[in-house]
């Protein structure tokens, strides 16, 4: 928790999300190695899906997670008209970005 808060405070990004993502990425090589070992040793827990397809799927999932994490949504905001002194102000429509 402390490390995640420090990352967030430094402005690098959402600290806890980055730590969770890093944990997932660190586990990918071990997962690939486990798949290779299970494929070499037929028996209980073996599977029939080819290894390259699984590796490509893992990389695609990580790429999708990165894409969603970095995406932006443009939200149009309509300000109401208001009276300031004797003048009518407002009706502006800036576009804010939300992450």
PDB file of N, CA and C in Angstrom:
ATOM      1  N   UNK A   1       0.838  -1.186   0.000  1.00  0.00           N
ATOM      2  CA  UNK A   1       0.000   0.000   0.000  1.00  0.00           C
ATOM      3  C   UNK A   1       0.884   1.252   0.000  1.00  0.00           C
ATOM      4  N   UNK A   2       1.903   1.240   0.840  1.00  0.00           N
ATOM      5  CA  UNK A   2       2.765   2.421   0.945  1.00  0.00           C
ATOM      6  C   UNK A   2       3.446   2.711  -0.392  1.00  0.00           C
ATOM      7  N   UNK A   3       3.979   1.662  -1.022  1.00  0.00           N
ATOM      8  CA  UNK A   3       4.678   1.850  -2.293  1.00  0.00           C
ATOM      9  C   UNK A   3       3.711   2.355  -3.362  1.00  0.00           C
ATOM     10  N   UNK A   4       2.491   1.829  -3.391  1.00  0.00           N
ATOM     11  CA  UNK A   4       1.499   2.299  -4.345  1.00  0.00           C
ATOM     12  C   UNK A   4       1.160   3.761  -4.145  1.00  0.00           C
ATOM     13  N   UNK A   5       1.052   4.183  -2.888  1.00  0.00           N
ATOM     14  CA  UNK A   5       0.779   5.594  -2.589  1.00  0.00           C
ATOM     15  C   UNK A   5       1.951   6.484  -2.998  1.00  0.00           C
ATOM     16  N   UNK A   6       3.166   6.005  -2.812  1.00  0.00           N
ATOM     17  CA  UNK A   6       4.342   6.777  -3.210  1.00  0.00           C
ATOM     18  C   UNK A   6       4.392   6.955  -4.731  1.00  0.00           C
ATOM     19  N   UNK A   7       4.063   5.901  -5.462  1.00  0.00           N
ATOM     20  CA  UNK A   7       4.049   5.999  -6.927  1.00  0.00           C
ATOM     21  C   UNK A   7       2.995   6.996  -7.367  1.00  0.00           C
ATOM     22  N   UNK A   8       1.820   6.946  -6.760  1.00  0.00           N
ATOM     23  CA  UNK A   8       0.744   7.875  -7.115  1.00  0.00           C
ATOM     24  C   UNK A   8       1.129   9.304  -6.777  1.00  0.00           C
ATOM     25  N   UNK A   9       1.745   9.517  -5.605  1.00  0.00           N
ATOM     26  CA  UNK A   9       2.139  10.866  -5.187  1.00  0.00           C
ATOM     27  C   UNK A   9       3.193  11.476  -6.096  1.00  0.00           C
ATOM     28  N   UNK A  10       4.054  10.660  -6.660  1.00  0.00           N
ATOM     29  CA  UNK A  10       5.109  11.159  -7.549  1.00  0.00           C
ATOM     30  C   UNK A  10       4.573  11.491  -8.945  1.00  0.00           C
ATOM     31  N   UNK A  11       3.338  11.141  -9.211  1.00  0.00           N
ATOM     32  CA  UNK A  11       2.721  11.487 -10.489  1.00  0.00           C
ATOM     33  C   UNK A  11       3.046  10.540 -11.621  1.00  0.00           C
ATOM     34  N   UNK A  12       3.540   9.348 -11.318  1.00  0.00           N
ATOM     35  CA  UNK A  12       3.878   8.385 -12.365  1.00  0.00           C
ATOM     36  C   UNK A  12       2.615   7.738 -12.921  1.00  0.00           C
ATOM     37  N   UNK A  13       1.632   7.538 -12.090  1.00  0.00           N
ATOM     38  CA  UNK A  13       0.377   6.914 -12.504  1.00  0.00           C
ATOM     39  C   UNK A  13      -0.349   6.397 -11.287  1.00  0.00           C
ATOM     40  N   UNK A  14      -1.358   5.585 -11.512  1.00  0.00           N
ATOM     41  CA  UNK A  14      -2.083   4.970 -10.411  1.00  0.00           C
ATOM     42  C   UNK A  14      -1.201   3.866  -9.832  1.00  0.00           C
ATOM     43  N   UNK A  15      -0.671   4.098  -8.647  1.00  0.00           N
ATOM     44  CA  UNK A  15       0.345   3.233  -8.065  1.00  0.00           C
ATOM     45  C   UNK A  15      -0.075   1.799  -7.877  1.00  0.00           C
ATOM     46  N   UNK A  16      -1.247   1.570  -7.284  1.00  0.00           N
ATOM     47  CA  UNK A  16      -1.678   0.202  -7.018  1.00  0.00           C
ATOM     48  C   UNK A  16      -1.939  -0.541  -8.327  1.00  0.00           C
ATOM     49  N   UNK A  17      -2.525   0.123  -9.305  1.00  0.00           N
ATOM     50  CA  UNK A  17      -2.772  -0.532 -10.598  1.00  0.00           C
ATOM     51  C   UNK A  17      -1.458  -0.906 -11.260  1.00  0.00           C
ATOM     52  N   UNK A  18      -0.470  -0.030 -11.182  1.00  0.00           N
ATOM     53  CA  UNK A  18       0.834  -0.335 -11.772  1.00  0.00           C
ATOM     54  C   UNK A  18       1.504  -1.517 -11.070  1.00  0.00           C
ATOM     55  N   UNK A  19       1.371  -1.593  -9.749  1.00  0.00           N
ATOM     56  CA  UNK A  19       1.968  -2.714  -9.025  1.00  0.00           C
ATOM     57  C   UNK A  19       1.274  -4.026  -9.368  1.00  0.00           C
ATOM     58  N   UNK A  20      -0.054  -4.008  -9.479  1.00  0.00           N
ATOM     59  CA  UNK A  20      -0.779  -5.219  -9.862  1.00  0.00           C
ATOM     60  C   UNK A  20      -0.389  -5.645 -11.271  1.00  0.00           C
ATOM     61  N   UNK A  21      -0.321  -4.674 -12.177  1.00  0.00           N
ATOM     62  CA  UNK A  21       0.073  -4.974 -13.552  1.00  0.00           C
ATOM     63  C   UNK A  21       1.486  -5.548 -13.595  1.00  0.00           C
ATOM     64  N   UNK A  22       2.402  -4.968 -12.828  1.00  0.00           N
ATOM     65  CA  UNK A  22       3.777  -5.469 -12.797  1.00  0.00           C
ATOM     66  C   UNK A  22       3.823  -6.911 -12.282  1.00  0.00           C
ATOM     67  N   UNK A  23       3.004  -7.215 -11.287  1.00  0.00           N
ATOM     68  CA  UNK A  23       2.943  -8.585 -10.774  1.00  0.00           C
ATOM     69  C   UNK A  23       2.457  -9.568 -11.823  1.00  0.00           C
ATOM     70  N   UNK A  24       1.480  -9.146 -12.622  1.00  0.00           N
ATOM     71  CA  UNK A  24       0.978 -10.016 -13.689  1.00  0.00           C
ATOM     72  C   UNK A  24       2.050 -10.235 -14.751  1.00  0.00           C
ATOM     73  N   UNK A  25       2.716  -9.152 -15.157  1.00  0.00           N
ATOM     74  CA  UNK A  25       3.739  -9.259 -16.198  1.00  0.00           C
ATOM     75  C   UNK A  25       4.918 -10.107 -15.722  1.00  0.00           C
ATOM     76  N   UNK A  26       5.287  -9.987 -14.458  1.00  0.00           N
ATOM     77  CA  UNK A  26       6.405 -10.777 -13.931  1.00  0.00           C
ATOM     78  C   UNK A  26       6.056 -12.268 -13.942  1.00  0.00           C
ATOM     79  N   UNK A  27       4.789 -12.608 -13.764  1.00  0.00           N
ATOM     80  CA  UNK A  27       4.380 -14.010 -13.731  1.00  0.00           C
ATOM     81  C   UNK A  27       4.233 -14.652 -15.096  1.00  0.00           C
ATOM     82  N   UNK A  28       4.236 -13.871 -16.167  1.00  0.00           N
ATOM     83  CA  UNK A  28       4.028 -14.422 -17.507  1.00  0.00           C
ATOM     84  C   UNK A  28       5.133 -15.404 -17.923  1.00  0.00           C
ATOM     85  N   UNK A  29       6.423 -15.087 -17.760  1.00  0.00           N
ATOM     86  CA  UNK A  29       7.446 -16.065 -18.173  1.00  0.00           C
ATOM     87  C   UNK A  29       7.324 -17.405 -17.439  1.00  0.00           C
ATOM     88  N   UNK A  30       7.009 -17.343 -16.146  1.00  0.00           N
ATOM     89  CA  UNK A  30       6.847 -18.592 -15.386  1.00  0.00           C
ATOM     90  C   UNK A  30       5.631 -19.361 -15.895  1.00  0.00           C
ATOM     91  N   UNK A  31       4.572 -18.664 -16.244  1.00  0.00           N
ATOM     92  CA  UNK A  31       3.392 -19.320 -16.796  1.00  0.00           C
ATOM     93  C   UNK A  31       3.683 -19.992 -18.122  1.00  0.00           C
ATOM     94  N   UNK A  32       4.463 -19.324 -18.956  1.00  0.00           N
ATOM     95  CA  UNK A  32       4.842 -19.910 -20.247  1.00  0.00           C
ATOM     96  C   UNK A  32       5.691 -21.158 -20.023  1.00  0.00           C
ATOM     97  N   UNK A  33       6.619 -21.071 -19.082  1.00  0.00           N
ATOM     98  CA  UNK A  33       7.459 -22.233 -18.785  1.00  0.00           C
ATOM     99  C   UNK A  33       6.618 -23.390 -18.253  1.00  0.00           C
ATOM    100  N   UNK A  34       5.651 -23.122 -17.418  1.00  0.00           N
ATOM    101  CA  UNK A  34       4.764 -24.175 -16.920  1.00  0.00           C
ATOM    102  C   UNK A  34       3.978 -24.819 -18.053  1.00  0.00           C
ATOM    103  N   UNK A  35       3.512 -23.993 -19.011  1.00  0.00           N
ATOM    104  CA  UNK A  35       2.788 -24.548 -20.156  1.00  0.00           C
ATOM    105  C   UNK A  35       3.672 -25.462 -20.979  1.00  0.00           C
ATOM    106  N   UNK A  36       4.920 -25.061 -21.172  1.00  0.00           N
ATOM    107  CA  UNK A  36       5.853 -25.892 -21.941  1.00  0.00           C
ATOM    108  C   UNK A  36       6.110 -27.205 -21.218  1.00  0.00           C
ATOM    109  N   UNK A  37       6.312 -27.133 -19.901  1.00  0.00           N
ATOM    110  CA  UNK A  37       6.551 -28.348 -19.114  1.00  0.00           C
ATOM    111  C   UNK A  37       5.352 -29.288 -19.148  1.00  0.00           C
ATOM    112  N   UNK A  38       4.149 -28.750 -19.043  1.00  0.00           N
ATOM    113  CA  UNK A  38       2.947 -29.591 -19.080  1.00  0.00           C
ATOM    114  C   UNK A  38       2.749 -30.198 -20.463  1.00  0.00           C
ATOM    115  N   UNK A  39       3.123 -29.473 -21.493  1.00  0.00           N
ATOM    116  CA  UNK A  39       3.002 -30.008 -22.846  1.00  0.00           C
ATOM    117  C   UNK A  39       3.978 -31.133 -23.119  1.00  0.00           C
ATOM    118  N   UNK A  40       5.149 -31.094 -22.499  1.00  0.00           N
ATOM    119  CA  UNK A  40       6.165 -32.134 -22.703  1.00  0.00           C
ATOM    120  C   UNK A  40       5.836 -33.405 -21.938  1.00  0.00           C
ATOM    121  N   UNK A  41       5.163 -33.283 -20.795  1.00  0.00           N
ATOM    122  CA  UNK A  41       4.850 -34.427 -19.954  1.00  0.00           C
ATOM    123  C   UNK A  41       3.362 -34.752 -20.050  1.00  0.00           C
ATOM    124  N   UNK A  42       2.978 -35.664 -20.941  1.00  0.00           N
ATOM    125  CA  UNK A  42       1.561 -35.996 -21.043  1.00  0.00           C
ATOM    126  C   UNK A  42       1.087 -36.710 -19.785  1.00  0.00           C
ATOM    127  N   UNK A  43      -0.151 -36.542 -19.463  1.00  0.00           N
ATOM    128  CA  UNK A  43      -0.707 -37.170 -18.278  1.00  0.00           C
ATOM    129  C   UNK A  43      -1.747 -36.258 -17.669  1.00  0.00           C
ATOM    130  N   UNK A  44      -1.852 -36.302 -16.369  1.00  0.00           N
ATOM    131  CA  UNK A  44      -2.836 -35.491 -15.667  1.00  0.00           C
ATOM    132  C   UNK A  44      -2.484 -34.014 -15.817  1.00  0.00           C
ATOM    133  N   UNK A  45      -3.437 -33.230 -16.220  1.00  0.00           N
ATOM    134  CA  UNK A  45      -3.218 -31.793 -16.362  1.00  0.00           C
ATOM    135  C   UNK A  45      -2.659 -31.399 -17.714  1.00  0.00           C
ATOM    136  N   UNK A  46      -2.549 -32.351 -18.643  1.00  0.00           N
ATOM    137  CA  UNK A  46      -2.045 -31.995 -19.965  1.00  0.00           C
ATOM    138  C   UNK A  46      -3.167 -31.356 -20.779  1.00  0.00           C
ATOM    139  N   UNK A  47      -2.819 -30.732 -21.857  1.00  0.00           N
ATOM    140  CA  UNK A  47      -3.789 -30.025 -22.683  1.00  0.00           C
ATOM    141  C   UNK A  47      -3.435 -30.229 -24.148  1.00  0.00           C
ATOM    142  N   UNK A  48      -4.373 -29.855 -25.030  1.00  0.00           N
ATOM    143  CA  UNK A  48      -4.154 -30.089 -26.450  1.00  0.00           C
ATOM    144  C   UNK A  48      -4.000 -28.804 -27.251  1.00  0.00           C
ATOM    145  N   UNK A  49      -4.110 -27.633 -26.625  1.00  0.00           N
ATOM    146  CA  UNK A  49      -3.982 -26.363 -27.337  1.00  0.00           C
ATOM    147  C   UNK A  49      -2.505 -26.108 -27.628  1.00  0.00           C
ATOM    148  N   UNK A  50      -2.149 -25.780 -28.868  1.00  0.00           N
ATOM    149  CA  UNK A  50      -0.734 -25.543 -29.202  1.00  0.00           C
ATOM    150  C   UNK A  50      -0.144 -24.377 -28.395  1.00  0.00           C
ATOM    151  N   UNK A  51       1.107 -24.489 -28.061  1.00  0.00           N
ATOM    152  CA  UNK A  51       1.790 -23.473 -27.262  1.00  0.00           C
ATOM    153  C   UNK A  51       1.826 -22.092 -27.911  1.00  0.00           C
ATOM    154  N   UNK A  52       2.138 -21.981 -29.190  1.00  0.00           N
ATOM    155  CA  UNK A  52       2.214 -20.637 -29.779  1.00  0.00           C
ATOM    156  C   UNK A  52       0.902 -19.859 -29.653  1.00  0.00           C
ATOM    157  N   UNK A  53      -0.222 -20.561 -29.763  1.00  0.00           N
ATOM    158  CA  UNK A  53      -1.509 -19.885 -29.631  1.00  0.00           C
ATOM    159  C   UNK A  53      -1.697 -19.318 -28.224  1.00  0.00           C
ATOM    160  N   UNK A  54      -1.292 -20.068 -27.235  1.00  0.00           N
ATOM    161  CA  UNK A  54      -1.429 -19.587 -25.856  1.00  0.00           C
ATOM    162  C   UNK A  54      -0.523 -18.396 -25.590  1.00  0.00           C
ATOM    163  N   UNK A  55       0.687 -18.448 -26.102  1.00  0.00           N
ATOM    164  CA  UNK A  55       1.629 -17.340 -25.902  1.00  0.00           C
ATOM    165  C   UNK A  55       1.098 -16.084 -26.594  1.00  0.00           C
ATOM    166  N   UNK A  56       0.583 -16.235 -27.807  1.00  0.00           N
ATOM    167  CA  UNK A  56       0.026 -15.095 -28.525  1.00  0.00           C
ATOM    168  C   UNK A  56      -1.175 -14.534 -27.762  1.00  0.00           C
ATOM    169  N   UNK A  57      -2.013 -15.424 -27.219  1.00  0.00           N
ATOM    170  CA  UNK A  57      -3.171 -14.967 -26.441  1.00  0.00           C
ATOM    171  C   UNK A  57      -2.733 -14.186 -25.201  1.00  0.00           C
ATOM    172  N   UNK A  58      -1.709 -14.665 -24.521  1.00  0.00           N
ATOM    173  CA  UNK A  58      -1.217 -13.958 -23.330  1.00  0.00           C
ATOM    174  C   UNK A  58      -0.717 -12.566 -23.690  1.00  0.00           C
ATOM    175  N   UNK A  59       0.047 -12.475 -24.755  1.00  0.00           N
ATOM    176  CA  UNK A  59       0.575 -11.176 -25.179  1.00  0.00           C
ATOM    177  C   UNK A  59      -0.561 -10.251 -25.604  1.00  0.00           C
ATOM    178  N   UNK A  60      -1.564 -10.798 -26.298  1.00  0.00           N
ATOM    179  CA  UNK A  60      -2.709  -9.987 -26.720  1.00  0.00           C
ATOM    180  C   UNK A  60      -3.488  -9.462 -25.515  1.00  0.00           C
ATOM    181  N   UNK A  61      -3.639 -10.279 -24.498  1.00  0.00           N
ATOM    182  CA  UNK A  61      -4.363  -9.842 -23.292  1.00  0.00           C
ATOM    183  C   UNK A  61      -3.601  -8.727 -22.594  1.00  0.00           C
ATOM    184  N   UNK A  62      -2.292  -8.862 -22.466  1.00  0.00           N
ATOM    185  CA  UNK A  62      -1.489  -7.808 -21.836  1.00  0.00           C
ATOM    186  C   UNK A  62      -1.560  -6.526 -22.662  1.00  0.00           C
ATOM    187  N   UNK A  63      -1.496  -6.634 -23.988  1.00  0.00           N
ATOM    188  CA  UNK A  63      -1.586  -5.450 -24.849  1.00  0.00           C
ATOM    189  C   UNK A  63      -2.950  -4.780 -24.699  1.00  0.00           C
ATOM    190  N   UNK A  64      -4.003  -5.564 -24.598  1.00  0.00           N
ATOM    191  CA  UNK A  64      -5.343  -5.006 -24.415  1.00  0.00           C
ATOM    192  C   UNK A  64      -5.455  -4.285 -23.077  1.00  0.00           C
ATOM    193  N   UNK A  65      -4.888  -4.851 -22.034  1.00  0.00           N
ATOM    194  CA  UNK A  65      -4.915  -4.206 -20.714  1.00  0.00           C
ATOM    195  C   UNK A  65      -4.187  -2.868 -20.768  1.00  0.00           C
ATOM    196  N   UNK A  66      -3.038  -2.831 -21.427  1.00  0.00           N
ATOM    197  CA  UNK A  66      -2.289  -1.574 -21.556  1.00  0.00           C
ATOM    198  C   UNK A  66      -3.090  -0.564 -22.357  1.00  0.00           C
ATOM    199  N   UNK A  67      -3.737  -0.999 -23.438  1.00  0.00           N
ATOM    200  CA  UNK A  67      -4.552  -0.110 -24.269  1.00  0.00           C
ATOM    201  C   UNK A  67      -5.694   0.498 -23.462  1.00  0.00           C
ATOM    202  N   UNK A  68      -6.388  -0.303 -22.698  1.00  0.00           N
ATOM    203  CA  UNK A  68      -7.510   0.193 -21.892  1.00  0.00           C
ATOM    204  C   UNK A  68      -7.009   1.116 -20.791  1.00  0.00           C
ATOM    205  N   UNK A  69      -5.888   0.786 -20.179  1.00  0.00           N
ATOM    206  CA  UNK A  69      -5.337   1.612 -19.098  1.00  0.00           C
ATOM    207  C   UNK A  69      -4.953   3.002 -19.603  1.00  0.00           C
ATOM    208  N   UNK A  70      -4.456   3.098 -20.827  1.00  0.00           N
ATOM    209  CA  UNK A  70      -3.999   4.375 -21.369  1.00  0.00           C
ATOM    210  C   UNK A  70      -5.073   5.140 -22.140  1.00  0.00           C
ATOM    211  N   UNK A  71      -6.270   4.584 -22.247  1.00  0.00           N
ATOM    212  CA  UNK A  71      -7.314   5.214 -23.058  1.00  0.00           C
ATOM    213  C   UNK A  71      -7.904   6.444 -22.373  1.00  0.00           C
ATOM    214  N   UNK A  72      -8.551   7.289 -23.179  1.00  0.00           N
ATOM    215  CA  UNK A  72      -9.203   8.502 -22.688  1.00  0.00           C
ATOM    216  C   UNK A  72     -10.637   8.523 -23.189  1.00  0.00           C
ATOM    217  N   UNK A  73     -11.505   9.150 -22.429  1.00  0.00           N
ATOM    218  CA  UNK A  73     -12.880   9.342 -22.872  1.00  0.00           C
ATOM    219  C   UNK A  73     -13.162  10.837 -22.860  1.00  0.00           C
ATOM    220  N   UNK A  74     -13.615  11.368 -23.983  1.00  0.00           N
ATOM    221  CA  UNK A  74     -13.949  12.792 -24.073  1.00  0.00           C
ATOM    222  C   UNK A  74     -15.379  12.974 -23.602  1.00  0.00           C
ATOM    223  N   UNK A  75     -15.544  13.844 -22.619  1.00  0.00           N
ATOM    224  CA  UNK A  75     -16.856  14.081 -22.044  1.00  0.00           C
ATOM    225  C   UNK A  75     -17.253  15.526 -22.307  1.00  0.00           C
ATOM    226  N   UNK A  76     -18.303  15.745 -23.088  1.00  0.00           N
ATOM    227  CA  UNK A  76     -18.755  17.124 -23.304  1.00  0.00           C
ATOM    228  C   UNK A  76     -19.485  17.643 -22.064  1.00  0.00           C
ATOM    229  N   UNK A  77     -19.164  18.868 -21.660  1.00  0.00           N
ATOM    230  CA  UNK A  77     -19.777  19.483 -20.483  1.00  0.00           C
ATOM    231  C   UNK A  77     -20.479  20.751 -20.931  1.00  0.00           C
ATOM    232  N   UNK A  78     -21.738  20.898 -20.590  1.00  0.00           N
ATOM    233  CA  UNK A  78     -22.507  22.088 -20.930  1.00  0.00           C
ATOM    234  C   UNK A  78     -22.670  22.923 -19.661  1.00  0.00           C
ATOM    235  N   UNK A  79     -22.183  24.164 -19.702  1.00  0.00           N
ATOM    236  CA  UNK A  79     -22.365  25.068 -18.586  1.00  0.00           C
ATOM    237  C   UNK A  79     -23.666  25.844 -18.781  1.00  0.00           C
ATOM    238  N   UNK A  80     -24.385  26.059 -17.706  1.00  0.00           N
ATOM    239  CA  UNK A  80     -25.626  26.821 -17.779  1.00  0.00           C
ATOM    240  C   UNK A  80     -25.300  28.302 -17.943  1.00  0.00           C
ATOM    241  N   UNK A  81     -26.238  29.039 -18.558  1.00  0.00           N
ATOM    242  CA  UNK A  81     -26.065  30.482 -18.691  1.00  0.00           C
ATOM    243  C   UNK A  81     -26.311  31.127 -17.338  1.00  0.00           C
ATOM    244  N   UNK A  82     -25.560  32.174 -17.039  1.00  0.00           N
ATOM    245  CA  UNK A  82     -25.714  32.866 -15.761  1.00  0.00           C
ATOM    246  C   UNK A  82     -25.570  34.365 -15.977  1.00  0.00           C
ATOM    247  N   UNK A  83     -26.063  35.094 -15.037  1.00  0.00           N
ATOM    248  CA  UNK A  83     -26.001  36.554 -15.124  1.00  0.00           C
ATOM    249  C   UNK A  83     -24.914  37.042 -14.186  1.00  0.00           C
ATOM    250  N   UNK A  84     -23.957  37.799 -14.744  1.00  0.00           N
ATOM    251  CA  UNK A  84     -22.877  38.397 -13.967  1.00  0.00           C
ATOM    252  C   UNK A  84     -23.014  39.896 -14.143  1.00  0.00           C
ATOM    253  N   UNK A  85     -23.427  40.558 -13.082  1.00  0.00           N
ATOM    254  CA  UNK A  85     -23.688  41.994 -13.179  1.00  0.00           C
ATOM    255  C   UNK A  85     -24.886  42.220 -14.076  1.00  0.00           C
ATOM    256  N   UNK A  86     -24.674  42.949 -15.166  1.00  0.00           N
ATOM    257  CA  UNK A  86     -25.758  43.202 -16.112  1.00  0.00           C
ATOM    258  C   UNK A  86     -25.581  42.394 -17.394  1.00  0.00           C
ATOM    259  N   UNK A  87     -24.586  41.512 -17.421  1.00  0.00           N
ATOM    260  CA  UNK A  87     -24.297  40.763 -18.641  1.00  0.00           C
ATOM    261  C   UNK A  87     -24.740  39.301 -18.502  1.00  0.00           C
ATOM    262  N   UNK A  88     -25.135  38.719 -19.602  1.00  0.00           N
ATOM    263  CA  UNK A  88     -25.505  37.308 -19.658  1.00  0.00           C
ATOM    264  C   UNK A  88     -24.271  36.523 -20.094  1.00  0.00           C
ATOM    265  N   UNK A  89     -23.787  35.658 -19.230  1.00  0.00           N
ATOM    266  CA  UNK A  89     -22.575  34.878 -19.502  1.00  0.00           C
ATOM    267  C   UNK A  89     -22.954  33.397 -19.555  1.00  0.00           C
ATOM    268  N   UNK A  90     -22.149  32.614 -20.224  1.00  0.00           N
ATOM    269  CA  UNK A  90     -22.326  31.169 -20.149  1.00  0.00           C
ATOM    270  C   UNK A  90     -22.643  30.535 -21.480  1.00  0.00           C
ATOM    271  N   UNK A  91     -23.116  29.333 -21.369  1.00  0.00           N
ATOM    272  CA  UNK A  91     -23.404  28.562 -22.552  1.00  0.00           C
ATOM    273  C   UNK A  91     -22.161  27.993 -23.213  1.00  0.00           C
ATOM    274  N   UNK A  92     -21.035  27.986 -22.497  1.00  0.00           N
ATOM    275  CA  UNK A  92     -19.786  27.481 -23.064  1.00  0.00           C
ATOM    276  C   UNK A  92     -19.780  25.965 -23.012  1.00  0.00           C
ATOM    277  N   UNK A  93     -19.033  25.380 -23.906  1.00  0.00           N
ATOM    278  CA  UNK A  93     -18.987  23.924 -23.991  1.00  0.00           C
ATOM    279  C   UNK A  93     -17.555  23.431 -24.190  1.00  0.00           C
ATOM    280  N   UNK A  94     -16.721  23.449 -23.136  1.00  0.00           N
ATOM    281  CA  UNK A  94     -15.381  22.874 -23.291  1.00  0.00           C
ATOM    282  C   UNK A  94     -15.461  21.352 -23.253  1.00  0.00           C
ATOM    283  N   UNK A  95     -14.438  20.694 -23.760  1.00  0.00           N
ATOM    284  CA  UNK A  95     -14.395  19.230 -23.732  1.00  0.00           C
ATOM    285  C   UNK A  95     -13.329  18.829 -22.738  1.00  0.00           C
ATOM    286  N   UNK A  96     -13.736  18.091 -21.718  1.00  0.00           N
ATOM    287  CA  UNK A  96     -12.805  17.590 -20.714  1.00  0.00           C
ATOM    288  C   UNK A  96     -12.455  16.159 -21.031  1.00  0.00           C
ATOM    289  N   UNK A  97     -11.256  15.763 -20.668  1.00  0.00           N
ATOM    290  CA  UNK A  97     -10.834  14.388 -20.865  1.00  0.00           C
ATOM    291  C   UNK A  97     -10.855  13.683 -19.537  1.00  0.00           C
ATOM    292  N   UNK A  98     -11.441  12.523 -19.543  1.00  0.00           N
ATOM    293  CA  UNK A  98     -11.502  11.693 -18.344  1.00  0.00           C
ATOM    294  C   UNK A  98     -10.723  10.439 -18.601  1.00  0.00           C
ATOM    295  N   UNK A  99     -10.011   9.956 -17.605  1.00  0.00           N
ATOM    296  CA  UNK A  99      -9.226   8.731 -17.769  1.00  0.00           C
ATOM    297  C   UNK A  99      -9.881   7.608 -17.065  1.00  0.00           C
TER     298      UNK A  99
END
